[in-house]
Each structure stands twice: as structure tokens, then as C-alpha cells.
Protein backbone atom coordinates (compact mmCIF):
# COMPACT_ATOMS: atom_id res chain seq x y z
CA UNK A 1 13.28 -62.45 -8.77
CA UNK A 2 16.50 -61.71 -10.32
CA UNK A 3 16.73 -58.14 -12.28
CA UNK A 4 18.06 -58.46 -15.91
CA UNK A 5 21.08 -56.36 -16.73
CA UNK A 6 18.79 -53.57 -18.16
CA UNK A 7 17.29 -52.87 -15.27
CA UNK A 8 20.50 -52.80 -13.46
CA UNK A 9 21.77 -50.52 -15.36
CA UNK A 10 18.97 -48.12 -15.53
CA UNK A 11 19.00 -48.40 -11.40
CA UNK A 12 22.59 -47.64 -11.30
CA UNK A 13 22.15 -44.39 -13.63
CA UNK A 14 19.30 -43.05 -11.98
CA UNK A 15 21.37 -43.33 -8.39
CA UNK A 16 24.09 -41.81 -10.62
CA UNK A 17 21.98 -38.75 -11.93
CA UNK A 18 20.29 -38.80 -7.76
CA UNK A 19 24.06 -38.06 -6.69
CA UNK A 20 24.92 -35.43 -8.81
CA UNK A 21 21.92 -33.25 -8.00
CA UNK A 22 23.21 -33.81 -4.32
CA UNK A 23 25.82 -32.61 -4.76
CA UNK A 24 25.00 -29.69 -7.15
CA UNK A 25 22.29 -28.84 -4.75
CA UNK A 26 24.52 -28.98 -1.18
CA UNK A 27 27.18 -26.39 -3.32
CA UNK A 28 24.36 -24.22 -4.36
CA UNK A 29 23.33 -24.54 -0.07
CA UNK A 30 26.89 -23.37 0.25
CA UNK A 31 27.05 -20.69 -2.28
CA UNK A 32 24.88 -18.96 0.04
CA UNK A 33 26.11 -20.02 3.74
CA UNK A 34 23.00 -22.23 4.11
CA UNK A 35 23.59 -25.92 5.39
CA UNK A 36 21.60 -28.85 5.08
CA UNK A 37 18.92 -29.33 7.13
CA UNK A 38 18.72 -32.91 9.42
CA UNK A 39 22.48 -33.72 8.26
CA UNK A 40 23.21 -35.57 11.22
CA UNK A 41 19.96 -37.86 11.05
CA UNK A 42 20.93 -41.49 11.00
CA UNK A 43 18.52 -42.48 8.46
CA UNK A 44 18.70 -41.74 4.67
CA UNK A 45 14.80 -41.66 3.82
CA UNK A 46 14.94 -37.96 6.53
CA UNK A 47 18.55 -36.73 5.42
CA UNK A 48 16.75 -36.15 1.77
CA UNK A 49 13.77 -35.04 2.98
CA UNK A 50 16.19 -32.29 4.67
CA UNK A 51 17.46 -31.67 1.07
CA UNK A 52 14.53 -30.33 -0.15
CA UNK A 53 13.23 -28.66 3.17
CA UNK A 54 16.93 -26.24 2.76
CA UNK A 55 16.30 -26.10 -0.98
CA UNK A 56 12.40 -25.46 -0.58
CA UNK A 57 14.22 -22.26 2.62
CA UNK A 58 16.44 -21.18 0.41
CA UNK A 59 14.01 -20.22 -2.24
CA UNK A 60 12.01 -18.92 -0.11
CA UNK A 61 14.56 -16.52 1.12
CA UNK A 62 16.30 -15.56 -2.45
CA UNK A 63 14.23 -16.76 -4.85
CA UNK A 64 16.86 -18.18 -6.36
CA UNK A 65 16.19 -20.05 -9.47
CA UNK A 66 18.83 -23.09 -9.38
CA UNK A 67 17.47 -24.20 -5.74
CA UNK A 68 14.73 -24.32 -7.19
CA UNK A 69 15.45 -26.33 -10.69
CA UNK A 70 17.10 -27.94 -8.09
CA UNK A 71 14.44 -29.00 -6.01
CA UNK A 72 11.87 -30.09 -8.28
CA UNK A 73 15.01 -32.19 -9.98
CA UNK A 74 15.65 -33.56 -6.65
CA UNK A 75 11.49 -33.64 -5.15
CA UNK A 76 9.94 -34.12 -8.73
CA UNK A 77 10.08 -38.10 -8.41
CA UNK A 78 9.19 -37.96 -5.18
CA UNK A 79 5.50 -35.83 -6.08
CA UNK A 80 5.15 -37.55 -8.70
CA UNK A 81 4.98 -41.02 -6.80
CA UNK A 82 2.71 -39.66 -4.27
CA UNK A 83 -0.09 -37.92 -7.29
CA UNK A 84 0.13 -41.59 -8.65
CA UNK A 85 -0.44 -43.05 -5.01
CA UNK A 86 -2.97 -40.83 -4.48
CA UNK A 87 -4.97 -41.28 -7.63
CA UNK A 88 -4.65 -45.00 -7.78
CA UNK A 89 -7.79 -46.58 -8.01
CA UNK A 90 -9.70 -43.56 -9.82
CA UNK A 91 -8.51 -45.60 -13.28
CA UNK A 92 -7.14 -43.06 -16.14
CA UNK A 93 -10.03 -40.10 -15.76
CA UNK A 94 -6.68 -37.95 -14.11
CA UNK A 95 -3.34 -37.27 -15.73
CA UNK A 96 -0.57 -37.14 -13.09
CA UNK A 97 1.82 -35.21 -14.65
CA UNK A 98 -0.98 -32.30 -15.47
CA UNK A 99 -0.88 -32.58 -11.71
CA UNK A 100 2.15 -32.29 -10.93
CA UNK A 101 2.27 -29.64 -13.39
CA UNK A 102 -0.19 -27.38 -10.82
CA UNK A 103 1.77 -28.50 -8.01
CA UNK A 104 5.39 -27.11 -8.98
CA UNK A 105 3.46 -23.81 -9.78
CA UNK A 106 2.03 -23.70 -7.02
CA UNK A 107 5.01 -24.39 -4.48
CA UNK A 108 6.75 -21.61 -6.96
CA UNK A 109 4.13 -19.10 -6.10
CA UNK A 110 3.79 -19.63 -2.61
CA UNK A 111 6.93 -19.66 -1.35
CA UNK A 112 6.30 -17.18 1.90
CA UNK A 113 3.31 -20.03 2.90
CA UNK A 114 6.74 -22.55 4.00
CA UNK A 115 8.07 -23.01 7.12
CA UNK A 116 10.98 -25.39 7.48
CA UNK A 117 10.69 -26.09 11.30
CA UNK A 118 11.89 -29.61 10.81
CA UNK A 119 13.33 -31.79 7.66
CA UNK A 120 10.56 -33.45 6.46
CA UNK A 121 8.83 -30.18 6.60
CA UNK A 122 9.09 -30.03 2.85
CA UNK A 123 7.16 -33.75 2.38
CA UNK A 124 4.13 -32.70 4.65
CA UNK A 125 3.72 -28.97 3.29
CA UNK A 126 4.30 -30.23 -0.48
CA UNK A 127 1.36 -33.06 0.02
CA UNK A 128 -0.86 -31.27 0.99
CA UNK A 129 -0.71 -28.70 -2.13
CA UNK A 130 -0.31 -32.33 -4.29
CA UNK A 131 -4.12 -33.00 -2.60
CA UNK A 132 -5.49 -29.75 -3.24
CA UNK A 133 -4.65 -29.60 -7.14
CA UNK A 134 -6.09 -33.17 -7.18
CA UNK A 135 -9.43 -32.43 -5.84
CA UNK A 136 -9.21 -28.56 -8.39
CA UNK A 137 -9.08 -31.28 -10.94
CA UNK A 138 -11.60 -33.21 -9.33
CA UNK A 139 -13.95 -31.02 -9.20
CA UNK A 140 -13.45 -29.68 -12.56
CA UNK A 141 -13.64 -32.88 -14.32
CA UNK A 142 -17.36 -33.54 -12.01
CA UNK A 143 -18.09 -30.17 -13.79
CA UNK A 144 -17.13 -31.10 -17.31
CA UNK A 145 -19.59 -34.93 -16.65
CA UNK A 146 -22.71 -32.97 -15.99
CA UNK A 147 -22.56 -30.84 -18.88
CA UNK A 148 -21.70 -34.27 -21.19
CA UNK A 149 -24.88 -35.72 -19.66
CA UNK A 150 -27.11 -33.09 -20.08
CA UNK A 151 -29.60 -33.01 -22.14
CA UNK A 152 -29.07 -30.55 -24.89
CA UNK A 153 -31.77 -28.75 -23.72
CA UNK A 154 -30.42 -28.26 -20.26
CA UNK A 155 -27.23 -27.00 -22.03
CA UNK A 156 -29.19 -24.33 -24.03
CA UNK A 157 -30.36 -23.14 -20.81
CA UNK A 158 -27.75 -23.34 -18.36
CA UNK A 159 -26.20 -19.74 -17.94
CA UNK A 160 -22.68 -19.28 -18.61
CA UNK A 161 -21.66 -17.60 -15.97
CA UNK A 162 -18.34 -16.80 -17.65
CA UNK A 163 -19.76 -13.87 -19.28
CA UNK A 164 -21.73 -11.35 -18.97
CA UNK A 165 -25.52 -10.97 -20.56
CA UNK A 166 -25.78 -9.74 -24.15
CA UNK A 167 -27.93 -6.82 -23.51
CA UNK A 168 -25.18 -5.89 -20.96
CA UNK A 169 -22.74 -5.59 -23.42
CA UNK A 170 -24.15 -3.99 -25.92
CA UNK A 171 -24.99 -0.73 -22.80
CA UNK A 172 -21.49 -0.41 -22.33
CA UNK A 173 -19.96 -0.84 -25.50
CA UNK A 174 -23.01 2.36 -26.53
CA UNK A 175 -22.00 4.25 -23.50
CA UNK A 176 -18.37 3.90 -24.37
CA UNK A 177 -18.75 4.86 -28.00
CA UNK A 178 -21.10 7.84 -26.50
CA UNK A 179 -18.64 8.71 -24.42
CA UNK A 180 -15.65 8.50 -26.53
CA UNK A 181 -17.87 10.76 -29.31
CA UNK A 182 -18.43 13.16 -26.86
CA UNK A 183 -14.83 13.46 -25.89
CA UNK A 184 -13.98 14.02 -29.60
CA UNK A 185 -16.56 16.74 -29.96
CA UNK A 186 -15.15 18.39 -26.54
CA UNK A 187 -11.57 18.44 -27.91
CA UNK A 188 -12.93 19.56 -31.35
CA UNK A 189 -14.23 22.65 -30.07
CA UNK A 190 -11.64 24.13 -26.99
CA UNK A 191 -9.35 23.35 -30.30
CA UNK A 192 -11.08 25.51 -32.04
CA UNK A 193 -11.92 28.17 -29.14
CA UNK A 194 -7.73 27.68 -28.33
CA UNK A 195 -7.10 28.81 -32.15
CA UNK A 196 -9.12 32.31 -31.29
CA UNK A 197 -6.56 33.69 -29.04
CA UNK A 198 -3.86 35.82 -29.25
CA UNK A 199 -0.28 34.25 -29.97
CA UNK A 200 0.89 35.45 -26.82
CA UNK A 201 -2.26 33.34 -25.29
CA UNK A 202 -1.85 30.91 -27.42
CA UNK A 203 2.09 30.75 -25.67
CA UNK A 204 1.36 31.65 -22.23
CA UNK A 205 -1.60 28.75 -21.87
CA UNK A 206 0.91 26.23 -23.24
CA UNK A 207 3.80 26.77 -21.25
CA UNK A 208 1.65 26.90 -18.27
CA UNK A 209 -0.55 24.25 -18.23
CA UNK A 210 1.32 21.54 -20.91
CA UNK A 211 4.88 21.96 -19.43
CA UNK A 212 3.52 23.51 -15.74
CA UNK A 213 6.20 26.36 -16.64
CA UNK A 214 6.13 28.38 -13.15
CA UNK A 215 4.69 31.46 -13.27
CA UNK A 216 7.47 34.12 -11.67
CA UNK A 217 10.09 31.78 -14.80
CA UNK A 218 7.59 32.18 -17.52
CA UNK A 219 7.35 36.13 -16.52
CA UNK A 220 10.89 36.76 -16.74
CA UNK A 221 10.95 35.07 -20.35
CA UNK A 222 8.06 37.43 -21.53
CA UNK A 223 8.94 40.73 -19.21
CA UNK A 224 6.34 40.85 -16.99
CA UNK A 225 5.32 40.95 -13.18
CA UNK A 226 4.05 37.98 -12.43
CA UNK A 227 0.53 39.32 -11.06
CA UNK A 228 0.51 40.59 -14.74
CA UNK A 229 0.80 36.94 -15.70
CA UNK A 230 -1.56 35.37 -13.93
CA UNK A 231 -4.29 38.36 -15.32
CA UNK A 232 -3.34 36.65 -18.71
CA UNK A 233 -3.93 33.33 -18.08
CA UNK A 234 -6.82 33.97 -16.23
CA UNK A 235 -8.13 36.43 -19.09
CA UNK A 236 -7.34 33.47 -21.31
CA UNK A 237 -9.00 30.57 -19.97
CA UNK A 238 -12.14 32.78 -19.27
CA UNK A 239 -12.49 33.27 -22.99
CA UNK A 240 -12.00 29.76 -23.56
CA UNK A 241 -13.76 28.24 -21.02
CA UNK A 242 -16.73 30.78 -22.68
CA UNK A 243 -15.95 30.63 -26.80
CA UNK A 244 -15.85 25.90 -25.75
CA UNK A 245 -19.20 26.42 -23.97
CA UNK A 246 -20.66 28.80 -26.40
CA UNK A 247 -19.31 26.04 -29.64
CA UNK A 248 -21.41 23.14 -27.40
CA UNK A 249 -24.39 25.22 -27.12
CA UNK A 250 -24.81 24.94 -24.19
CA UNK A 251 -27.10 28.62 -22.98
CA UNK A 252 -25.43 30.56 -20.48
CA UNK A 253 -26.88 31.34 -16.79
CA UNK A 254 -25.80 32.76 -14.08
CA UNK A 255 -22.12 34.83 -14.13
CA UNK A 256 -19.64 32.70 -12.54
CA UNK A 257 -17.00 34.26 -10.33
CA UNK A 258 -13.29 34.02 -11.68
CA UNK A 259 -12.42 32.46 -8.80
CA UNK A 260 -14.83 29.31 -9.50
CA UNK A 261 -14.07 29.80 -13.32
CA UNK A 262 -13.30 26.05 -14.23
CA UNK A 263 -10.73 25.99 -16.66
CA UNK A 264 -10.03 22.91 -19.03
CA UNK A 265 -6.22 21.11 -17.99
CA UNK A 266 -4.08 20.17 -19.73
CA UNK A 267 -4.95 16.80 -21.21
CA UNK A 268 -6.72 18.81 -23.69
CA UNK A 269 -3.67 21.51 -24.20
CA UNK A 270 -1.31 18.09 -24.18
CA UNK A 271 -3.76 16.99 -27.59
CA UNK A 272 -3.65 20.58 -29.38
CA UNK A 273 0.20 20.55 -28.88
């Protein structure tokens, strides 16, 4: 059996391309002071497998994108051939190119799981990834076939596990809306209470709550003692608390001790500023 001139030219071009990839890969490894694993092997398949293992090891250690691109170019044809071999006998149910892309993505995502223990390490590791990618495709295909063969009544009764029940979704929406409305009302009442303070009290609260200025620094600016400034802040917070509670219609209970008075923190003040 003889090959046509076009077939011979195609094989020659493919061989030349592979040698160019090999040269670029070796140069890339040398630039990172890394050698080729299995370069002393007597047979060419082992040396080729060692080059793929070396590129994968370099990508694992450095995350170099060029190393990964060269790995895909070098090992891609072998991966595709392996996928087609696994799919032989399954007809045209699965797309070999789609499984190849899934395999490459998983190689890129999990380099830390690779161990360059021998020249054929990448071939063995990537073969496992190929098998897992095919299993995922088979599961998806099987689920799709089950749905297509189900009667319309079964499809209507089948629960979609990917979405929440309408009643729960509506409940969450109502709770979010109620929370947003309550917070908006609180801010409006806080703003109204803030406007009843004196200009000095407003300034002090903004400096302390929003700008987080130290008492000693602010006391120097206002020409007062730090103890006096703390009292100003305490009284302003207390008035804000009482007036906000009054606007919200909260019935005042027992007197809250001064040290337990809960001020409204910077979020509300920031909304005012």
C-alpha cells in the first residue's frame, strides 16, 4: 500500500510542526533551569512522554502560561486519540472535542495533584482525567435520555432540584423587602433625630463615629478636656437613642444605665454624611 503525495506532505508537515513544538518546549524548560525528564531513555515514546511530564511539572511549580500552552500543543493529539479510543463503539453520542476541552480545563485547574515521578507520569495522570471526563458526559447523557423518554405526566411531576420552591422564594423576597423597609425607616428616624442636635453635637458625632478621630485629637481642636468631650459624645448618643426610639413609637421601659446605652454606629451616621 502506497501513500499519495498529499498524504506524504501532510505527514511531513505534521512531523515538522511537532519538532518545532519540541524545540520551543525545550527552550522554555531551559529558561527556567529545568531539564527534560527521561531524556536519556532509549526509545522515542518514553522521551516524548517525559517532555509532557516536564512541561506539566513546570506549570505546577511556576504557573507559566507558555508552558501550559506548549503542553496542550504537545500532548493534545495524544489526549484526543485516547478519548476517541475510549469512545469507540459508542457511536456519535459523545463529542470527542468537548471531552478534550473538559480534560484540558481540569488539567489546568488541578496542577497541585500532579506528581512527576517518572517520564510517563503525565500520560497516566491525564488518562485518569480523560476517564473521569467521559463518565461525567455519560451521566449527563443518561439524565438527558431519561427526561426525553419520560411521559409528559412524569415530567410535570418531576421536581427541579436546581431551583427553590415558589413558596420559599416568595417568603425570602417578602422578608428581604420587609428588612429593607424597616432599615429605611430606621435611617429616616435617625436622620430626623440627628437634625435636632446642636451643630456642635453633630460635628462631634461625625468626627468620632464617621472619621473615627481620637478623643484627644478632637479635644485639642475644640479646646476642651478629653473628659468633657467624652461627656458631650455620651449625651449626644443618649439623645439620639431616646429620640429615635420616640419616633419609632417604642414604649420607654426601665431606665437604661449609662454604660449600657447602645449607640447607633457609623453606618447610620455615614448615610447622613
